[in-house]
Amino acid sequence: MKLKIGYQALIDHAMTQIETVSLAQAQTLLVDSNTLFVDIRDVRELERDGMIPNALNAPRGMLEFWVDPESPYYKPIFGEGKRLVLYCASAWRSALATETLQRMGVPNVCHLEGGFSSWKKAGLPTAEKISKAHTS
């Protein structure tokens, strides 16, 4: 099967449209109460690898629904006006998700350079997967 556009072209395009924060920038944002780190990885990845401390898990498949106030799945935390720093394992899904949220009109959204794998490799703080009570 020949695709009209492949995943890499989608990612490359997204990267020209979105803001990417470096690991150093992201580390300073960890203590910013106006910033919310959003982990879009699957719950199995979180259980296996951990996550950035105090991040909110919003699985990639639900993100648009959780962000849209018109959706029955809307999560009010997304309406608090915080800067959103999305991340996944390698910054591919987060690049696409960031571009999508921008297209939806979500302000102040960016993603983490290199994703969680780069975060861990740099020895930055990690936490165990948060409980379900923190994701609602």
N, C-alpha and C. Protein backbone atom coordinates (compact mmCIF):
# COMPACT_ATOMS: atom_id res chain seq x y z
N MET A 1 0.84 -1.18 0.00
CA MET A 1 0.00 0.00 0.00
C MET A 1 0.89 1.24 0.00
N LYS A 2 0.57 2.16 -0.84
CA LYS A 2 1.29 3.43 -0.92
C LYS A 2 0.45 4.52 -0.28
N LEU A 3 0.98 5.14 0.77
CA LEU A 3 0.25 6.21 1.44
C LEU A 3 0.48 7.55 0.75
N LYS A 4 -0.49 8.40 0.88
CA LYS A 4 -0.38 9.74 0.33
C LYS A 4 0.66 10.56 1.12
N ILE A 5 0.68 10.36 2.42
CA ILE A 5 1.66 11.02 3.30
C ILE A 5 1.96 10.07 4.45
N GLY A 6 3.23 9.92 4.77
CA GLY A 6 3.64 8.99 5.82
C GLY A 6 3.76 9.68 7.18
N TYR A 7 3.98 8.86 8.19
CA TYR A 7 4.06 9.38 9.55
C TYR A 7 5.18 10.39 9.71
N GLN A 8 6.34 10.14 9.06
CA GLN A 8 7.47 11.06 9.24
C GLN A 8 7.16 12.43 8.64
N ALA A 9 6.49 12.45 7.51
CA ALA A 9 6.10 13.73 6.91
C ALA A 9 5.11 14.47 7.81
N LEU A 10 4.21 13.73 8.44
CA LEU A 10 3.28 14.35 9.39
C LEU A 10 4.02 14.97 10.57
N ILE A 11 4.97 14.23 11.10
CA ILE A 11 5.76 14.73 12.23
C ILE A 11 6.59 15.94 11.80
N ASP A 12 7.25 15.84 10.66
CA ASP A 12 8.07 16.94 10.16
C ASP A 12 7.24 18.21 9.99
N HIS A 13 6.05 18.07 9.44
CA HIS A 13 5.17 19.23 9.28
C HIS A 13 4.78 19.80 10.64
N ALA A 14 4.37 18.93 11.54
CA ALA A 14 3.97 19.38 12.88
C ALA A 14 5.10 20.17 13.54
N MET A 15 6.32 19.69 13.39
CA MET A 15 7.46 20.35 14.04
C MET A 15 7.67 21.78 13.53
N THR A 16 7.21 22.07 12.32
CA THR A 16 7.35 23.44 11.81
C THR A 16 6.24 24.35 12.33
N GLN A 17 5.24 23.76 12.94
CA GLN A 17 4.06 24.53 13.38
C GLN A 17 3.99 24.73 14.88
N ILE A 18 4.79 24.00 15.64
CA ILE A 18 4.62 23.98 17.10
C ILE A 18 5.87 24.45 17.83
N GLU A 19 5.69 24.73 19.10
CA GLU A 19 6.81 25.08 19.97
C GLU A 19 7.33 23.81 20.64
N THR A 20 8.65 23.68 20.65
CA THR A 20 9.30 22.57 21.33
C THR A 20 10.13 23.14 22.47
N VAL A 21 9.92 22.62 23.68
CA VAL A 21 10.73 23.10 24.80
C VAL A 21 11.86 22.11 25.06
N SER A 22 13.04 22.65 25.33
CA SER A 22 14.20 21.82 25.61
C SER A 22 14.05 21.18 26.98
N LEU A 23 14.88 20.19 27.24
CA LEU A 23 14.88 19.56 28.56
C LEU A 23 15.19 20.57 29.65
N ALA A 24 16.13 21.46 29.39
CA ALA A 24 16.50 22.49 30.38
C ALA A 24 15.32 23.42 30.66
N GLN A 25 14.65 23.86 29.61
CA GLN A 25 13.47 24.72 29.79
C GLN A 25 12.40 23.97 30.57
N ALA A 26 12.16 22.73 30.20
CA ALA A 26 11.12 21.94 30.85
C ALA A 26 11.41 21.72 32.32
N GLN A 27 12.68 21.52 32.65
CA GLN A 27 13.04 21.30 34.05
C GLN A 27 12.67 22.53 34.89
N THR A 28 12.88 23.73 34.35
CA THR A 28 12.51 24.94 35.10
C THR A 28 10.99 25.07 35.22
N LEU A 29 10.25 24.54 34.23
CA LEU A 29 8.80 24.62 34.27
C LEU A 29 8.17 23.66 35.28
N LEU A 30 8.94 22.69 35.75
CA LEU A 30 8.41 21.72 36.72
C LEU A 30 7.86 22.39 37.96
N VAL A 31 8.44 23.51 38.37
CA VAL A 31 8.02 24.19 39.60
C VAL A 31 7.06 25.34 39.32
N ASP A 32 6.68 25.53 38.07
CA ASP A 32 5.78 26.60 37.68
C ASP A 32 4.33 26.14 37.86
N SER A 33 3.61 26.77 38.77
CA SER A 33 2.23 26.35 39.03
C SER A 33 1.29 26.66 37.86
N ASN A 34 1.75 27.44 36.90
CA ASN A 34 0.94 27.76 35.72
C ASN A 34 1.27 26.85 34.54
N THR A 35 2.01 25.78 34.80
CA THR A 35 2.38 24.82 33.76
C THR A 35 1.86 23.44 34.15
N LEU A 36 1.29 22.75 33.19
CA LEU A 36 0.82 21.38 33.39
C LEU A 36 1.52 20.48 32.38
N PHE A 37 2.27 19.50 32.87
CA PHE A 37 2.87 18.50 32.01
C PHE A 37 1.78 17.46 31.73
N VAL A 38 1.62 17.11 30.45
CA VAL A 38 0.59 16.17 30.04
C VAL A 38 1.25 14.99 29.34
N ASP A 39 1.18 13.85 29.99
CA ASP A 39 1.77 12.61 29.48
C ASP A 39 0.72 11.91 28.63
N ILE A 40 0.96 11.82 27.33
CA ILE A 40 -0.05 11.24 26.44
C ILE A 40 0.23 9.76 26.13
N ARG A 41 1.18 9.18 26.85
CA ARG A 41 1.49 7.76 26.60
C ARG A 41 0.39 6.86 27.15
N ASP A 42 0.39 5.65 26.68
CA ASP A 42 -0.51 4.60 27.15
C ASP A 42 -0.19 4.27 28.60
N VAL A 43 -1.21 3.89 29.35
CA VAL A 43 -1.04 3.58 30.77
C VAL A 43 0.01 2.49 30.99
N ARG A 44 0.14 1.55 30.06
CA ARG A 44 1.14 0.49 30.23
C ARG A 44 2.56 1.05 30.18
N GLU A 45 2.77 2.10 29.37
CA GLU A 45 4.08 2.75 29.31
C GLU A 45 4.38 3.45 30.63
N LEU A 46 3.38 4.07 31.22
CA LEU A 46 3.56 4.76 32.49
C LEU A 46 3.90 3.77 33.60
N GLU A 47 3.17 2.65 33.63
CA GLU A 47 3.43 1.64 34.65
C GLU A 47 4.82 1.05 34.50
N ARG A 48 5.27 0.89 33.28
CA ARG A 48 6.58 0.30 33.02
C ARG A 48 7.72 1.29 33.27
N ASP A 49 7.57 2.54 32.82
CA ASP A 49 8.69 3.48 32.79
C ASP A 49 8.60 4.64 33.77
N GLY A 50 7.42 4.85 34.38
CA GLY A 50 7.25 6.02 35.24
C GLY A 50 6.87 7.22 34.40
N MET A 51 6.90 8.40 35.04
CA MET A 51 6.47 9.62 34.37
C MET A 51 7.11 10.83 35.01
N ILE A 52 6.92 11.98 34.43
CA ILE A 52 7.42 13.22 35.02
C ILE A 52 6.57 13.51 36.26
N PRO A 53 7.19 13.90 37.36
CA PRO A 53 6.43 14.16 38.59
C PRO A 53 5.30 15.17 38.36
N ASN A 54 4.14 14.85 38.93
CA ASN A 54 2.94 15.69 38.90
C ASN A 54 2.34 15.87 37.50
N ALA A 55 2.77 15.07 36.54
CA ALA A 55 2.17 15.13 35.20
C ALA A 55 0.76 14.53 35.24
N LEU A 56 -0.06 14.98 34.33
CA LEU A 56 -1.39 14.43 34.15
C LEU A 56 -1.33 13.45 32.99
N ASN A 57 -1.85 12.25 33.19
CA ASN A 57 -1.92 11.30 32.09
C ASN A 57 -3.21 11.54 31.32
N ALA A 58 -3.07 11.89 30.06
CA ALA A 58 -4.20 12.05 29.15
C ALA A 58 -3.88 11.22 27.93
N PRO A 59 -4.32 9.98 27.89
CA PRO A 59 -3.96 9.10 26.78
C PRO A 59 -4.25 9.73 25.43
N ARG A 60 -3.36 9.53 24.49
CA ARG A 60 -3.44 10.15 23.17
C ARG A 60 -4.82 9.96 22.54
N GLY A 61 -5.41 8.83 22.72
CA GLY A 61 -6.70 8.55 22.12
C GLY A 61 -7.86 9.34 22.71
N MET A 62 -7.65 9.95 23.88
CA MET A 62 -8.72 10.72 24.54
C MET A 62 -8.44 12.21 24.59
N LEU A 63 -7.25 12.63 24.23
CA LEU A 63 -6.81 14.01 24.45
C LEU A 63 -7.77 15.05 23.89
N GLU A 64 -8.14 14.95 22.63
CA GLU A 64 -9.02 15.94 22.02
C GLU A 64 -10.37 16.00 22.74
N PHE A 65 -10.85 14.86 23.21
CA PHE A 65 -12.13 14.80 23.91
C PHE A 65 -12.02 15.43 25.30
N TRP A 66 -10.89 15.24 25.97
CA TRP A 66 -10.71 15.80 27.30
C TRP A 66 -10.52 17.32 27.25
N VAL A 67 -9.98 17.84 26.15
CA VAL A 67 -9.67 19.26 26.02
C VAL A 67 -10.90 20.08 25.60
N ASP A 68 -11.81 19.50 24.86
CA ASP A 68 -12.94 20.24 24.28
C ASP A 68 -14.08 20.37 25.29
N PRO A 69 -14.41 21.62 25.70
CA PRO A 69 -15.50 21.82 26.65
C PRO A 69 -16.86 21.31 26.16
N GLU A 70 -17.00 21.13 24.85
CA GLU A 70 -18.26 20.62 24.29
C GLU A 70 -18.34 19.10 24.35
N SER A 71 -17.26 18.44 24.68
CA SER A 71 -17.22 16.99 24.72
C SER A 71 -17.79 16.47 26.04
N PRO A 72 -18.49 15.34 25.99
CA PRO A 72 -18.97 14.74 27.24
C PRO A 72 -17.81 14.22 28.12
N TYR A 73 -16.61 14.16 27.56
CA TYR A 73 -15.45 13.67 28.31
C TYR A 73 -14.54 14.79 28.81
N TYR A 74 -14.96 16.02 28.64
CA TYR A 74 -14.16 17.20 29.01
C TYR A 74 -13.63 17.11 30.44
N LYS A 75 -12.36 17.48 30.61
CA LYS A 75 -11.72 17.54 31.92
C LYS A 75 -11.44 19.01 32.23
N PRO A 76 -12.06 19.57 33.25
CA PRO A 76 -11.91 21.00 33.56
C PRO A 76 -10.47 21.47 33.76
N ILE A 77 -9.57 20.58 34.12
CA ILE A 77 -8.17 20.99 34.30
C ILE A 77 -7.61 21.62 33.02
N PHE A 78 -8.14 21.22 31.86
CA PHE A 78 -7.67 21.77 30.60
C PHE A 78 -8.20 23.18 30.33
N GLY A 79 -9.16 23.62 31.12
CA GLY A 79 -9.72 24.94 30.95
C GLY A 79 -9.18 25.96 31.95
N GLU A 80 -8.15 25.60 32.68
CA GLU A 80 -7.60 26.47 33.72
C GLU A 80 -6.60 27.49 33.20
N GLY A 81 -6.32 27.47 31.91
CA GLY A 81 -5.41 28.46 31.33
C GLY A 81 -3.94 28.19 31.56
N LYS A 82 -3.60 27.00 32.00
CA LYS A 82 -2.19 26.68 32.23
C LYS A 82 -1.47 26.40 30.92
N ARG A 83 -0.17 26.61 30.94
CA ARG A 83 0.66 26.22 29.80
C ARG A 83 0.71 24.69 29.80
N LEU A 84 0.45 24.10 28.66
CA LEU A 84 0.46 22.64 28.53
C LEU A 84 1.75 22.21 27.85
N VAL A 85 2.47 21.30 28.51
CA VAL A 85 3.67 20.72 27.93
C VAL A 85 3.37 19.24 27.70
N LEU A 86 3.10 18.89 26.46
CA LEU A 86 2.78 17.51 26.12
C LEU A 86 4.06 16.71 25.93
N TYR A 87 4.00 15.44 26.30
CA TYR A 87 5.12 14.56 25.99
C TYR A 87 4.65 13.12 25.85
N CYS A 88 5.45 12.38 25.09
CA CYS A 88 5.24 10.95 24.90
C CYS A 88 6.60 10.29 25.09
N ALA A 89 6.84 9.16 24.50
CA ALA A 89 8.12 8.48 24.67
C ALA A 89 9.24 9.15 23.88
N SER A 90 8.98 9.46 22.60
CA SER A 90 10.04 9.95 21.72
C SER A 90 9.73 11.26 21.03
N ALA A 91 8.67 11.95 21.43
CA ALA A 91 8.27 13.25 20.89
C ALA A 91 7.61 13.16 19.51
N TRP A 92 7.18 11.99 19.11
CA TRP A 92 6.46 11.86 17.84
C TRP A 92 4.97 12.11 18.07
N ARG A 93 4.38 11.33 18.97
CA ARG A 93 2.96 11.49 19.26
C ARG A 93 2.68 12.88 19.83
N SER A 94 3.59 13.36 20.66
CA SER A 94 3.36 14.68 21.27
C SER A 94 3.44 15.80 20.24
N ALA A 95 4.29 15.65 19.24
CA ALA A 95 4.34 16.66 18.17
C ALA A 95 3.01 16.71 17.43
N LEU A 96 2.49 15.54 17.06
CA LEU A 96 1.21 15.49 16.36
C LEU A 96 0.07 15.99 17.24
N ALA A 97 0.08 15.61 18.52
CA ALA A 97 -0.96 16.04 19.45
C ALA A 97 -0.91 17.55 19.69
N THR A 98 0.29 18.09 19.80
CA THR A 98 0.43 19.54 20.02
C THR A 98 -0.12 20.30 18.83
N GLU A 99 0.21 19.83 17.63
CA GLU A 99 -0.32 20.49 16.44
C GLU A 99 -1.85 20.42 16.41
N THR A 100 -2.40 19.28 16.76
CA THR A 100 -3.85 19.13 16.77
C THR A 100 -4.50 20.07 17.78
N LEU A 101 -3.95 20.16 18.98
CA LEU A 101 -4.53 21.06 19.99
C LEU A 101 -4.44 22.51 19.54
N GLN A 102 -3.35 22.88 18.90
CA GLN A 102 -3.24 24.24 18.36
C GLN A 102 -4.34 24.48 17.33
N ARG A 103 -4.55 23.51 16.45
CA ARG A 103 -5.60 23.65 15.43
C ARG A 103 -6.98 23.77 16.08
N MET A 104 -7.16 23.15 17.25
CA MET A 104 -8.43 23.25 17.97
C MET A 104 -8.59 24.61 18.64
N GLY A 105 -7.48 25.35 18.77
CA GLY A 105 -7.54 26.66 19.41
C GLY A 105 -7.07 26.68 20.84
N VAL A 106 -6.43 25.60 21.28
CA VAL A 106 -5.90 25.56 22.64
C VAL A 106 -4.68 26.48 22.69
N PRO A 107 -4.69 27.46 23.60
CA PRO A 107 -3.55 28.38 23.69
C PRO A 107 -2.43 27.78 24.53
N ASN A 108 -1.24 28.29 24.34
CA ASN A 108 -0.13 27.99 25.25
C ASN A 108 0.18 26.50 25.34
N VAL A 109 0.26 25.82 24.21
CA VAL A 109 0.56 24.40 24.20
C VAL A 109 1.87 24.18 23.46
N CYS A 110 2.70 23.31 24.00
CA CYS A 110 3.98 22.98 23.40
C CYS A 110 4.28 21.52 23.72
N HIS A 111 5.45 21.05 23.27
CA HIS A 111 5.81 19.67 23.61
C HIS A 111 7.28 19.59 23.97
N LEU A 112 7.62 18.47 24.59
CA LEU A 112 8.96 18.24 25.15
C LEU A 112 9.89 17.63 24.12
N GLU A 113 11.00 18.29 23.90
CA GLU A 113 12.02 17.80 22.98
C GLU A 113 12.53 16.43 23.41
N GLY A 114 12.48 15.47 22.50
CA GLY A 114 13.02 14.14 22.79
C GLY A 114 12.12 13.24 23.60
N GLY A 115 11.04 13.77 24.17
CA GLY A 115 10.10 12.97 24.93
C GLY A 115 10.65 12.44 26.24
N PHE A 116 9.88 11.54 26.84
CA PHE A 116 10.22 11.02 28.16
C PHE A 116 11.51 10.20 28.14
N SER A 117 11.80 9.55 27.01
CA SER A 117 13.04 8.77 26.95
C SER A 117 14.26 9.69 27.10
N SER A 118 14.22 10.87 26.50
CA SER A 118 15.32 11.83 26.66
C SER A 118 15.36 12.39 28.08
N TRP A 119 14.20 12.62 28.65
CA TRP A 119 14.08 13.11 30.03
C TRP A 119 14.77 12.12 30.98
N LYS A 120 14.41 10.84 30.84
CA LYS A 120 15.01 9.81 31.71
C LYS A 120 16.51 9.68 31.48
N LYS A 121 16.91 9.69 30.22
CA LYS A 121 18.32 9.55 29.87
C LYS A 121 19.15 10.68 30.47
N ALA A 122 18.56 11.87 30.58
CA ALA A 122 19.25 13.02 31.16
C ALA A 122 19.29 12.97 32.69
N GLY A 123 18.65 11.97 33.28
CA GLY A 123 18.66 11.82 34.73
C GLY A 123 17.75 12.80 35.45
N LEU A 124 16.75 13.32 34.74
CA LEU A 124 15.81 14.25 35.36
C LEU A 124 14.79 13.48 36.20
N PRO A 125 14.12 14.17 37.12
CA PRO A 125 13.25 13.47 38.08
C PRO A 125 12.10 12.70 37.42
N THR A 126 11.83 11.53 37.96
CA THR A 126 10.71 10.72 37.51
C THR A 126 9.90 10.29 38.72
N ALA A 127 8.68 9.88 38.46
CA ALA A 127 7.79 9.40 39.51
C ALA A 127 7.11 8.14 39.01
N GLU A 128 6.56 7.39 39.95
CA GLU A 128 5.76 6.22 39.58
C GLU A 128 4.47 6.72 38.95
N LYS A 129 3.81 5.85 38.21
CA LYS A 129 2.51 6.19 37.62
C LYS A 129 1.59 6.69 38.73
N ILE A 130 0.86 7.77 38.45
CA ILE A 130 -0.06 8.32 39.44
C ILE A 130 -1.33 7.49 39.50
N SER A 131 -2.05 7.62 40.60
CA SER A 131 -3.28 6.84 40.76
C SER A 131 -4.38 7.39 39.88
N LYS A 132 -5.41 6.60 39.67
CA LYS A 132 -6.55 7.02 38.85
C LYS A 132 -7.23 8.25 39.44
N ALA A 133 -7.17 8.43 40.74
CA ALA A 133 -7.80 9.58 41.37
C ALA A 133 -7.24 10.90 40.86
N HIS A 134 -5.99 10.89 40.44
CA HIS A 134 -5.35 12.12 39.95
C HIS A 134 -5.65 12.40 38.49
N THR A 135 -6.22 11.45 37.77
CA THR A 135 -6.46 11.65 36.34
C THR A 135 -7.87 12.08 36.04
N SER A 136 -8.71 12.17 37.05
CA SER A 136 -10.10 12.57 36.76
C SER A 136 -10.31 14.05 36.98
